[in-house]
Amino acid sequence: MGILNLTPDSFYDGGSYKNETDIITQVKKMLDDGAVFIDVGAYSSRPNADHVSEAEELARILPVVELLVKTFPDILVSVDTFRSGVAKACVNAGAALINDISAGQLDPLMLETVGKLNVPYIMMHMLGTPQTMQQHTSYQDILKEILFYFSERITLARQHGIIDIIIDPGFGFSKTLQQNFELLNRLELLKITELPMLVGVSRKSMIYKTLKQSAQDALNGTTVINTISLQKGASVLRVHDVKEAMECITLVNALN
């Protein structure tokens, strides 16, 4: 899954894609490098990011979804949003799946909406909101509590008619640096859900802070964590650097 951030303040590539030419060039590169999905987001979920209104999010994302579907007729666009109105508008414009960092907790209509749209749904583990999530890092047993969280959210999603679900353990969301590595160390335990698992660690602070570098220098570290994630059961890698992630996938598949 290749990442296309349309926000001006994302931690790595914020503001990089300002016009149609830049967007099409980047998406074509990711597709040529092997991306199966393109994940389009217009609301930055990095810690302490500014809140963006639904109208602003829609104004940023909807024209881009329409552009991608028109330019690349076979593309599978994933929409990174926690708002049901944005999800509905983008699916109606041709998006293929919804990627919700809140698992339906930040919009009471999200699960019902996705069920009616009949599209796959990625649900992530996060407590609180993007603005408050780093205040919610107190766990007795982080893996057990994440499993309880998914058990509840999956049950609710099924009750609303959502058939295809992918879980995302939410590296960097409501987790300290140490908790991210504890989660990674025990990641295979999430296989108990019997659902595909997405891992998104691309250039995140768990990598560059541990290595005492910047997000711009964190590609090698990302490759290491992606490889470990695949070995522990990840089905989808959400990345900025598609070519390198595909090399991880190819080599791990050869090993298996």
C-alpha atoms as a PDB file:
ATOM      1  CA  MET A   1       0.000   0.000   0.000  1.00  0.00           C
ATOM      2  CA  GLY A   2       1.598   3.218  -1.205  1.00  0.00           C
ATOM      3  CA  ILE A   3       0.980   6.372   0.838  1.00  0.00           C
ATOM      4  CA  LEU A   4      -0.217   9.590  -0.807  1.00  0.00           C
ATOM      5  CA  ASN A   5      -0.474  12.353   1.806  1.00  0.00           C
ATOM      6  CA  LEU A   6      -2.428  15.430   0.730  1.00  0.00           C
ATOM      7  CA  THR A   7      -1.821  17.242   4.012  1.00  0.00           C
ATOM      8  CA  PRO A   8       0.611  20.146   4.358  1.00  0.00           C
ATOM      9  CA  ASP A   9       1.865  18.926   7.760  1.00  0.00           C
ATOM     10  CA  SER A  10       2.434  15.167   7.549  1.00  0.00           C
ATOM     11  CA  PHE A  11       5.629  14.168   9.350  1.00  0.00           C
ATOM     12  CA  TYR A  12       7.543  12.930   6.284  1.00  0.00           C
ATOM     13  CA  ASP A  13       6.064  14.072   2.972  1.00  0.00           C
ATOM     14  CA  GLY A  14       3.662  16.841   3.998  1.00  0.00           C
ATOM     15  CA  GLY A  15       3.048  19.342   1.224  1.00  0.00           C
ATOM     16  CA  SER A  16       5.015  17.380  -1.371  1.00  0.00           C
ATOM     17  CA  TYR A  17       2.144  16.895  -3.838  1.00  0.00           C
ATOM     18  CA  LYS A  18       0.642  20.290  -4.624  1.00  0.00           C
ATOM     19  CA  ASN A  19      -0.690  19.856  -8.165  1.00  0.00           C
ATOM     20  CA  GLU A  20      -2.114  17.216 -10.506  1.00  0.00           C
ATOM     21  CA  THR A  21       1.186  16.581 -12.261  1.00  0.00           C
ATOM     22  CA  ASP A  22       3.050  15.880  -8.999  1.00  0.00           C
ATOM     23  CA  ILE A  23       0.250  13.600  -7.792  1.00  0.00           C
ATOM     24  CA  ILE A  24       0.017  11.601 -11.024  1.00  0.00           C
ATOM     25  CA  THR A  25       3.813  11.273 -11.251  1.00  0.00           C
ATOM     26  CA  GLN A  26       4.102   9.959  -7.692  1.00  0.00           C
ATOM     27  CA  VAL A  27       1.169   7.554  -7.997  1.00  0.00           C
ATOM     28  CA  LYS A  28       2.437   6.209 -11.329  1.00  0.00           C
ATOM     29  CA  LYS A  29       5.822   5.564  -9.710  1.00  0.00           C
ATOM     30  CA  MET A  30       4.232   3.696  -6.797  1.00  0.00           C
ATOM     31  CA  LEU A  31       2.058   1.598  -9.117  1.00  0.00           C
ATOM     32  CA  ASP A  32       5.028   0.833 -11.391  1.00  0.00           C
ATOM     33  CA  ASP A  33       7.030  -0.180  -8.303  1.00  0.00           C
ATOM     34  CA  GLY A  34       4.364  -2.715  -7.355  1.00  0.00           C
ATOM     35  CA  ALA A  35       1.784  -1.009  -5.143  1.00  0.00           C
ATOM     36  CA  VAL A  36      -1.544  -2.832  -5.011  1.00  0.00           C
ATOM     37  CA  PHE A  37      -3.382  -0.028  -3.175  1.00  0.00           C
ATOM     38  CA  ILE A  38      -2.828   3.728  -3.035  1.00  0.00           C
ATOM     39  CA  ASP A  39      -3.830   5.123   0.361  1.00  0.00           C
ATOM     40  CA  VAL A  40      -4.966   8.734   0.039  1.00  0.00           C
ATOM     41  CA  GLY A  41      -5.216  10.859   3.173  1.00  0.00           C
ATOM     42  CA  ALA A  42      -6.146  14.503   3.731  1.00  0.00           C
ATOM     43  CA  TYR A  43      -6.191  14.661   7.543  1.00  0.00           C
ATOM     44  CA  SER A  44      -2.831  14.403   9.273  1.00  0.00           C
ATOM     45  CA  SER A  45      -2.954  11.939  12.178  1.00  0.00           C
ATOM     46  CA  ARG A  46       0.548  12.614  13.465  1.00  0.00           C
ATOM     47  CA  PRO A  47       0.705  13.501  17.192  1.00  0.00           C
ATOM     48  CA  ASN A  48      -0.498  17.050  17.905  1.00  0.00           C
ATOM     49  CA  ALA A  49      -1.552  17.637  14.298  1.00  0.00           C
ATOM     50  CA  ASP A  50      -3.994  20.473  13.638  1.00  0.00           C
ATOM     51  CA  HIS A  51      -7.674  19.587  13.474  1.00  0.00           C
ATOM     52  CA  VAL A  52      -9.142  19.901   9.972  1.00  0.00           C
ATOM     53  CA  SER A  53     -12.841  20.380   9.248  1.00  0.00           C
ATOM     54  CA  GLU A  54     -14.765  17.805   7.236  1.00  0.00           C
ATOM     55  CA  ALA A  55     -15.343  20.376   4.497  1.00  0.00           C
ATOM     56  CA  GLU A  56     -11.597  21.029   4.216  1.00  0.00           C
ATOM     57  CA  GLU A  57     -10.813  17.305   4.213  1.00  0.00           C
ATOM     58  CA  LEU A  58     -13.352  16.707   1.434  1.00  0.00           C
ATOM     59  CA  ALA A  59     -12.045  19.654  -0.582  1.00  0.00           C
ATOM     60  CA  ARG A  60      -8.540  18.196  -0.402  1.00  0.00           C
ATOM     61  CA  ILE A  61      -9.306  14.543  -1.059  1.00  0.00           C
ATOM     62  CA  LEU A  62     -12.316  14.220  -3.368  1.00  0.00           C
ATOM     63  CA  PRO A  63     -10.771  15.862  -6.465  1.00  0.00           C
ATOM     64  CA  VAL A  64      -7.697  13.639  -6.036  1.00  0.00           C
ATOM     65  CA  VAL A  65      -9.752  10.436  -5.818  1.00  0.00           C
ATOM     66  CA  GLU A  66     -11.603  11.495  -8.974  1.00  0.00           C
ATOM     67  CA  LEU A  67      -8.292  12.313 -10.692  1.00  0.00           C
ATOM     68  CA  LEU A  68      -6.707   8.959  -9.809  1.00  0.00           C
ATOM     69  CA  VAL A  69      -9.705   6.890 -10.879  1.00  0.00           C
ATOM     70  CA  LYS A  70      -9.867   8.786 -14.175  1.00  0.00           C
ATOM     71  CA  THR A  71      -6.110   8.571 -14.835  1.00  0.00           C
ATOM     72  CA  PHE A  72      -5.599   4.971 -13.672  1.00  0.00           C
ATOM     73  CA  PRO A  73      -8.863   3.080 -14.399  1.00  0.00           C
ATOM     74  CA  ASP A  74      -7.710  -0.127 -12.654  1.00  0.00           C
ATOM     75  CA  ILE A  75      -6.415   1.594  -9.507  1.00  0.00           C
ATOM     76  CA  LEU A  76      -7.514   0.506  -6.030  1.00  0.00           C
ATOM     77  CA  VAL A  77      -7.786   3.702  -3.993  1.00  0.00           C
ATOM     78  CA  SER A  78      -7.879   3.411  -0.225  1.00  0.00           C
ATOM     79  CA  VAL A  79      -9.258   6.438   1.617  1.00  0.00           C
ATOM     80  CA  ASP A  80      -7.617   7.267   4.937  1.00  0.00           C
ATOM     81  CA  THR A  81     -10.451   8.905   6.890  1.00  0.00           C
ATOM     82  CA  PHE A  82     -12.434   8.504  10.107  1.00  0.00           C
ATOM     83  CA  ARG A  83     -15.454  10.435   8.779  1.00  0.00           C
ATOM     84  CA  SER A  84     -18.406   8.631   7.243  1.00  0.00           C
ATOM     85  CA  GLY A  85     -19.281  11.570   4.988  1.00  0.00           C
ATOM     86  CA  VAL A  86     -15.809  11.589   3.471  1.00  0.00           C
ATOM     87  CA  ALA A  87     -15.864   7.804   3.119  1.00  0.00           C
ATOM     88  CA  LYS A  88     -19.211   7.839   1.305  1.00  0.00           C
ATOM     89  CA  ALA A  89     -18.268  10.660  -1.073  1.00  0.00           C
ATOM     90  CA  CYS A  90     -14.955   9.021  -1.985  1.00  0.00           C
ATOM     91  CA  VAL A  91     -16.410   5.540  -2.552  1.00  0.00           C
ATOM     92  CA  ASN A  92     -19.100   7.086  -4.739  1.00  0.00           C
ATOM     93  CA  ALA A  93     -16.244   8.729  -6.676  1.00  0.00           C
ATOM     94  CA  GLY A  94     -14.552   5.366  -7.231  1.00  0.00           C
ATOM     95  CA  ALA A  95     -12.510   4.574  -4.112  1.00  0.00           C
ATOM     96  CA  ALA A  96     -12.285   0.862  -3.298  1.00  0.00           C
ATOM     97  CA  LEU A  97     -11.752   0.644   0.473  1.00  0.00           C
ATOM     98  CA  ILE A  98     -11.784   2.688   3.673  1.00  0.00           C
ATOM     99  CA  ASN A  99      -8.845   2.971   6.079  1.00  0.00           C
ATOM    100  CA  ASP A 100     -10.093   4.271   9.453  1.00  0.00           C
ATOM    101  CA  ILE A 101      -7.572   5.083  12.195  1.00  0.00           C
ATOM    102  CA  SER A 102     -10.389   5.107  14.774  1.00  0.00           C
ATOM    103  CA  ALA A 103     -12.130   1.811  13.890  1.00  0.00           C
ATOM    104  CA  GLY A 104     -15.435   3.686  13.869  1.00  0.00           C
ATOM    105  CA  GLN A 105     -14.998   5.347  17.248  1.00  0.00           C
ATOM    106  CA  LEU A 106     -14.750   8.967  16.038  1.00  0.00           C
ATOM    107  CA  ASP A 107     -17.887   8.883  13.870  1.00  0.00           C
ATOM    108  CA  PRO A 108     -20.930   6.904  15.075  1.00  0.00           C
ATOM    109  CA  LEU A 109     -22.117   6.522  11.479  1.00  0.00           C
ATOM    110  CA  MET A 110     -18.883   5.106  10.043  1.00  0.00           C
ATOM    111  CA  LEU A 111     -19.528   1.368  10.513  1.00  0.00           C
ATOM    112  CA  GLU A 112     -23.097   1.635   9.249  1.00  0.00           C
ATOM    113  CA  THR A 113     -21.928   3.664   6.253  1.00  0.00           C
ATOM    114  CA  VAL A 114     -19.144   1.244   5.286  1.00  0.00           C
ATOM    115  CA  GLY A 115     -21.535  -1.691   5.644  1.00  0.00           C
ATOM    116  CA  LYS A 116     -23.982  -0.046   3.234  1.00  0.00           C
ATOM    117  CA  LEU A 117     -21.192   0.875   0.812  1.00  0.00           C
ATOM    118  CA  ASN A 118     -20.105  -2.797   0.793  1.00  0.00           C
ATOM    119  CA  VAL A 119     -16.372  -2.054   0.611  1.00  0.00           C
ATOM    120  CA  PRO A 120     -13.448  -3.530   2.593  1.00  0.00           C
ATOM    121  CA  TYR A 121     -12.602  -1.778   5.854  1.00  0.00           C
ATOM    122  CA  ILE A 122      -9.257  -1.309   7.589  1.00  0.00           C
ATOM    123  CA  MET A 123      -9.657  -0.717  11.318  1.00  0.00           C
ATOM    124  CA  MET A 124      -6.756   0.529  13.410  1.00  0.00           C
ATOM    125  CA  HIS A 125      -6.054   0.429  17.141  1.00  0.00           C
ATOM    126  CA  MET A 126      -6.010   3.915  18.628  1.00  0.00           C
ATOM    127  CA  LEU A 127      -7.274   5.363  21.895  1.00  0.00           C
ATOM    128  CA  GLY A 128      -8.543   8.943  22.032  1.00  0.00           C
ATOM    129  CA  THR A 129      -8.032  11.214  19.022  1.00  0.00           C
ATOM    130  CA  PRO A 130      -4.929  12.144  17.006  1.00  0.00           C
ATOM    131  CA  GLN A 131      -4.677  15.209  19.252  1.00  0.00           C
ATOM    132  CA  THR A 132      -4.925  13.246  22.543  1.00  0.00           C
ATOM    133  CA  MET A 133      -3.703   9.735  21.695  1.00  0.00           C
ATOM    134  CA  GLN A 134      -0.285  10.108  23.303  1.00  0.00           C
ATOM    135  CA  GLN A 135      -2.009  10.710  26.629  1.00  0.00           C
ATOM    136  CA  HIS A 136      -3.502   7.200  26.393  1.00  0.00           C
ATOM    137  CA  THR A 137      -0.507   4.893  26.760  1.00  0.00           C
ATOM    138  CA  SER A 138      -1.291   3.123  30.053  1.00  0.00           C
ATOM    139  CA  TYR A 139      -1.715  -0.636  29.582  1.00  0.00           C
ATOM    140  CA  GLN A 140      -1.616  -3.616  31.915  1.00  0.00           C
ATOM    141  CA  ASP A 141      -0.929  -5.937  28.938  1.00  0.00           C
ATOM    142  CA  ILE A 142      -0.794  -4.105  25.637  1.00  0.00           C
ATOM    143  CA  LEU A 143      -1.315  -7.143  23.390  1.00  0.00           C
ATOM    144  CA  LYS A 144      -4.225  -8.453  25.425  1.00  0.00           C
ATOM    145  CA  GLU A 145      -5.882  -5.039  25.437  1.00  0.00           C
ATOM    146  CA  ILE A 146      -5.386  -4.601  21.686  1.00  0.00           C
ATOM    147  CA  LEU A 147      -6.988  -8.011  21.134  1.00  0.00           C
ATOM    148  CA  PHE A 148      -9.967  -7.059  23.312  1.00  0.00           C
ATOM    149  CA  TYR A 149     -10.266  -3.805  21.350  1.00  0.00           C
ATOM    150  CA  PHE A 150     -10.327  -5.637  18.013  1.00  0.00           C
ATOM    151  CA  SER A 151     -12.738  -8.259  19.311  1.00  0.00           C
ATOM    152  CA  GLU A 152     -15.231  -5.518  20.167  1.00  0.00           C
ATOM    153  CA  ARG A 153     -14.719  -3.462  16.993  1.00  0.00           C
ATOM    154  CA  ILE A 154     -14.863  -6.520  14.692  1.00  0.00           C
ATOM    155  CA  THR A 155     -18.119  -7.671  16.309  1.00  0.00           C
ATOM    156  CA  LEU A 156     -19.681  -4.238  15.781  1.00  0.00           C
ATOM    157  CA  ALA A 157     -18.433  -4.091  12.190  1.00  0.00           C
ATOM    158  CA  ARG A 158     -19.956  -7.508  11.447  1.00  0.00           C
ATOM    159  CA  GLN A 159     -23.261  -6.368  12.963  1.00  0.00           C
ATOM    160  CA  HIS A 160     -23.279  -3.518  10.447  1.00  0.00           C
ATOM    161  CA  GLY A 161     -22.691  -5.853   7.510  1.00  0.00           C
ATOM    162  CA  ILE A 162     -18.971  -5.252   6.944  1.00  0.00           C
ATOM    163  CA  ILE A 163     -17.605  -8.454   5.410  1.00  0.00           C
ATOM    164  CA  ASP A 164     -13.977  -7.746   4.501  1.00  0.00           C
ATOM    165  CA  ILE A 165     -11.937  -6.449   7.454  1.00  0.00           C
ATOM    166  CA  ILE A 166      -8.209  -5.772   7.770  1.00  0.00           C
ATOM    167  CA  ILE A 167      -6.747  -4.978  11.187  1.00  0.00           C
ATOM    168  CA  ASP A 168      -3.957  -2.468  11.828  1.00  0.00           C
ATOM    169  CA  PRO A 169      -2.301  -2.593  15.283  1.00  0.00           C
ATOM    170  CA  GLY A 170      -1.523   1.126  15.022  1.00  0.00           C
ATOM    171  CA  PHE A 171       2.215   1.533  15.516  1.00  0.00           C
ATOM    172  CA  GLY A 172       2.844   5.010  16.920  1.00  0.00           C
ATOM    173  CA  PHE A 173      -0.772   5.583  17.927  1.00  0.00           C
ATOM    174  CA  SER A 174      -1.457   5.633  21.695  1.00  0.00           C
ATOM    175  CA  LYS A 175       1.865   3.863  22.223  1.00  0.00           C
ATOM    176  CA  THR A 176       5.254   4.813  23.631  1.00  0.00           C
ATOM    177  CA  LEU A 177       8.483   3.941  21.860  1.00  0.00           C
ATOM    178  CA  GLN A 178       8.959   0.939  24.145  1.00  0.00           C
ATOM    179  CA  GLN A 179       5.358  -0.209  23.650  1.00  0.00           C
ATOM    180  CA  ASN A 180       5.801  -0.110  19.865  1.00  0.00           C
ATOM    181  CA  PHE A 181       8.657  -2.595  20.150  1.00  0.00           C
ATOM    182  CA  GLU A 182       6.748  -4.762  22.628  1.00  0.00           C
ATOM    183  CA  LEU A 183       3.895  -4.855  20.118  1.00  0.00           C
ATOM    184  CA  LEU A 184       6.298  -5.757  17.295  1.00  0.00           C
ATOM    185  CA  ASN A 185       7.906  -8.482  19.404  1.00  0.00           C
ATOM    186  CA  ARG A 186       4.530 -10.175  19.989  1.00  0.00           C
ATOM    187  CA  LEU A 187       2.852  -9.212  16.723  1.00  0.00           C
ATOM    188  CA  GLU A 188       2.142 -12.803  15.667  1.00  0.00           C
ATOM    189  CA  LEU A 189      -0.394 -13.071  18.521  1.00  0.00           C
ATOM    190  CA  LEU A 190      -2.780 -10.910  16.452  1.00  0.00           C
ATOM    191  CA  LYS A 191      -3.147 -13.846  14.031  1.00  0.00           C
ATOM    192  CA  ILE A 192      -5.769 -15.132  16.478  1.00  0.00           C
ATOM    193  CA  THR A 193      -8.234 -12.709  14.848  1.00  0.00           C
ATOM    194  CA  GLU A 194      -7.882 -14.747  11.619  1.00  0.00           C
ATOM    195  CA  LEU A 195      -7.975 -11.493   9.660  1.00  0.00           C
ATOM    196  CA  PRO A 196      -5.385  -9.924   7.345  1.00  0.00           C
ATOM    197  CA  MET A 197      -3.092  -7.513   9.169  1.00  0.00           C
ATOM    198  CA  LEU A 198      -1.757  -4.208   7.864  1.00  0.00           C
ATOM    199  CA  VAL A 199       1.442  -2.780   9.344  1.00  0.00           C
ATOM    200  CA  GLY A 200       2.339   0.868   8.903  1.00  0.00           C
ATOM    201  CA  VAL A 201       5.751   1.730  10.321  1.00  0.00           C
ATOM    202  CA  SER A 202       7.165   3.609   7.337  1.00  0.00           C
ATOM    203  CA  ARG A 203       9.718   6.199   8.519  1.00  0.00           C
ATOM    204  CA  LYS A 204       7.942   6.529  11.895  1.00  0.00           C
ATOM    205  CA  SER A 205       9.467   7.831  15.103  1.00  0.00           C
ATOM    206  CA  MET A 206       9.878   4.340  16.581  1.00  0.00           C
ATOM    207  CA  ILE A 207      12.531   3.912  13.899  1.00  0.00           C
ATOM    208  CA  TYR A 208      14.216   7.274  13.608  1.00  0.00           C
ATOM    209  CA  LYS A 209      14.201   8.110  17.319  1.00  0.00           C
ATOM    210  CA  THR A 210      15.678   4.710  18.166  1.00  0.00           C
ATOM    211  CA  LEU A 211      18.375   5.256  15.540  1.00  0.00           C
ATOM    212  CA  LYS A 212      18.820   8.937  16.536  1.00  0.00           C
ATOM    213  CA  GLN A 213      18.188  10.224  13.039  1.00  0.00           C
ATOM    214  CA  SER A 214      15.406  11.917  11.023  1.00  0.00           C
ATOM    215  CA  ALA A 215      12.444  10.510   9.106  1.00  0.00           C
ATOM    216  CA  GLN A 216      14.334  11.329   5.890  1.00  0.00           C
ATOM    217  CA  ASP A 217      17.108   8.911   6.935  1.00  0.00           C
ATOM    218  CA  ALA A 218      14.806   6.106   8.141  1.00  0.00           C
ATOM    219  CA  LEU A 219      14.361   4.026   4.969  1.00  0.00           C
ATOM    220  CA  ASN A 220      16.855   1.334   5.977  1.00  0.00           C
ATOM    221  CA  GLY A 221      15.273   1.057   9.424  1.00  0.00           C
ATOM    222  CA  THR A 222      11.830   0.882   7.822  1.00  0.00           C
ATOM    223  CA  THR A 223      13.006  -2.035   5.674  1.00  0.00           C
ATOM    224  CA  VAL A 224      14.186  -3.917   8.770  1.00  0.00           C
ATOM    225  CA  ILE A 225      10.895  -3.436  10.637  1.00  0.00           C
ATOM    226  CA  ASN A 226       8.853  -4.273   7.516  1.00  0.00           C
ATOM    227  CA  THR A 227      10.773  -7.541   7.154  1.00  0.00           C
ATOM    228  CA  ILE A 228      10.173  -8.493  10.790  1.00  0.00           C
ATOM    229  CA  SER A 229       6.484  -7.602  10.411  1.00  0.00           C
ATOM    230  CA  LEU A 230       6.103  -9.852   7.373  1.00  0.00           C
ATOM    231  CA  GLN A 231       7.752 -12.720   9.230  1.00  0.00           C
ATOM    232  CA  LYS A 232       5.324 -12.191  12.108  1.00  0.00           C
ATOM    233  CA  GLY A 233       2.194 -12.283   9.951  1.00  0.00           C
ATOM    234  CA  ALA A 234       1.661  -8.914   8.259  1.00  0.00           C
ATOM    235  CA  SER A 235      -0.333  -9.188   5.012  1.00  0.00           C
ATOM    236  CA  VAL A 236      -0.102  -5.548   3.913  1.00  0.00           C
ATOM    237  CA  LEU A 237       2.706  -3.011   4.300  1.00  0.00           C
ATOM    238  CA  ARG A 238       1.657   0.653   4.233  1.00  0.00           C
ATOM    239  CA  VAL A 239       4.714   2.532   2.991  1.00  0.00           C
ATOM    240  CA  HIS A 240       6.152   5.673   1.461  1.00  0.00           C
ATOM    241  CA  ASP A 241       8.805   3.664  -0.437  1.00  0.00           C
ATOM    242  CA  VAL A 242       7.062   0.989  -2.489  1.00  0.00           C
ATOM    243  CA  LYS A 243      10.041  -0.430  -4.395  1.00  0.00           C
ATOM    244  CA  GLU A 244      11.955  -1.254  -1.210  1.00  0.00           C
ATOM    245  CA  ALA A 245       8.864  -2.734   0.456  1.00  0.00           C
ATOM    246  CA  MET A 246       8.241  -4.970  -2.555  1.00  0.00           C
ATOM    247  CA  GLU A 247      11.810  -6.239  -2.272  1.00  0.00           C
ATOM    248  CA  CYS A 248      11.079  -7.181   1.361  1.00  0.00           C
ATOM    249  CA  ILE A 249       7.935  -9.028   0.280  1.00  0.00           C
ATOM    250  CA  THR A 250       9.705 -10.868  -2.541  1.00  0.00           C
ATOM    251  CA  LEU A 251      12.567 -12.017  -0.303  1.00  0.00           C
ATOM    252  CA  VAL A 252      10.338 -13.069   2.605  1.00  0.00           C
ATOM    253  CA  ASN A 253       8.091 -14.978   0.196  1.00  0.00           C
ATOM    254  CA  ALA A 254      11.161 -16.734  -1.202  1.00  0.00           C
ATOM    255  CA  LEU A 255      12.226 -17.634   2.321  1.00  0.00           C
ATOM    256  CA  ASN A 256       8.790 -19.071   3.065  1.00  0.00           C
END
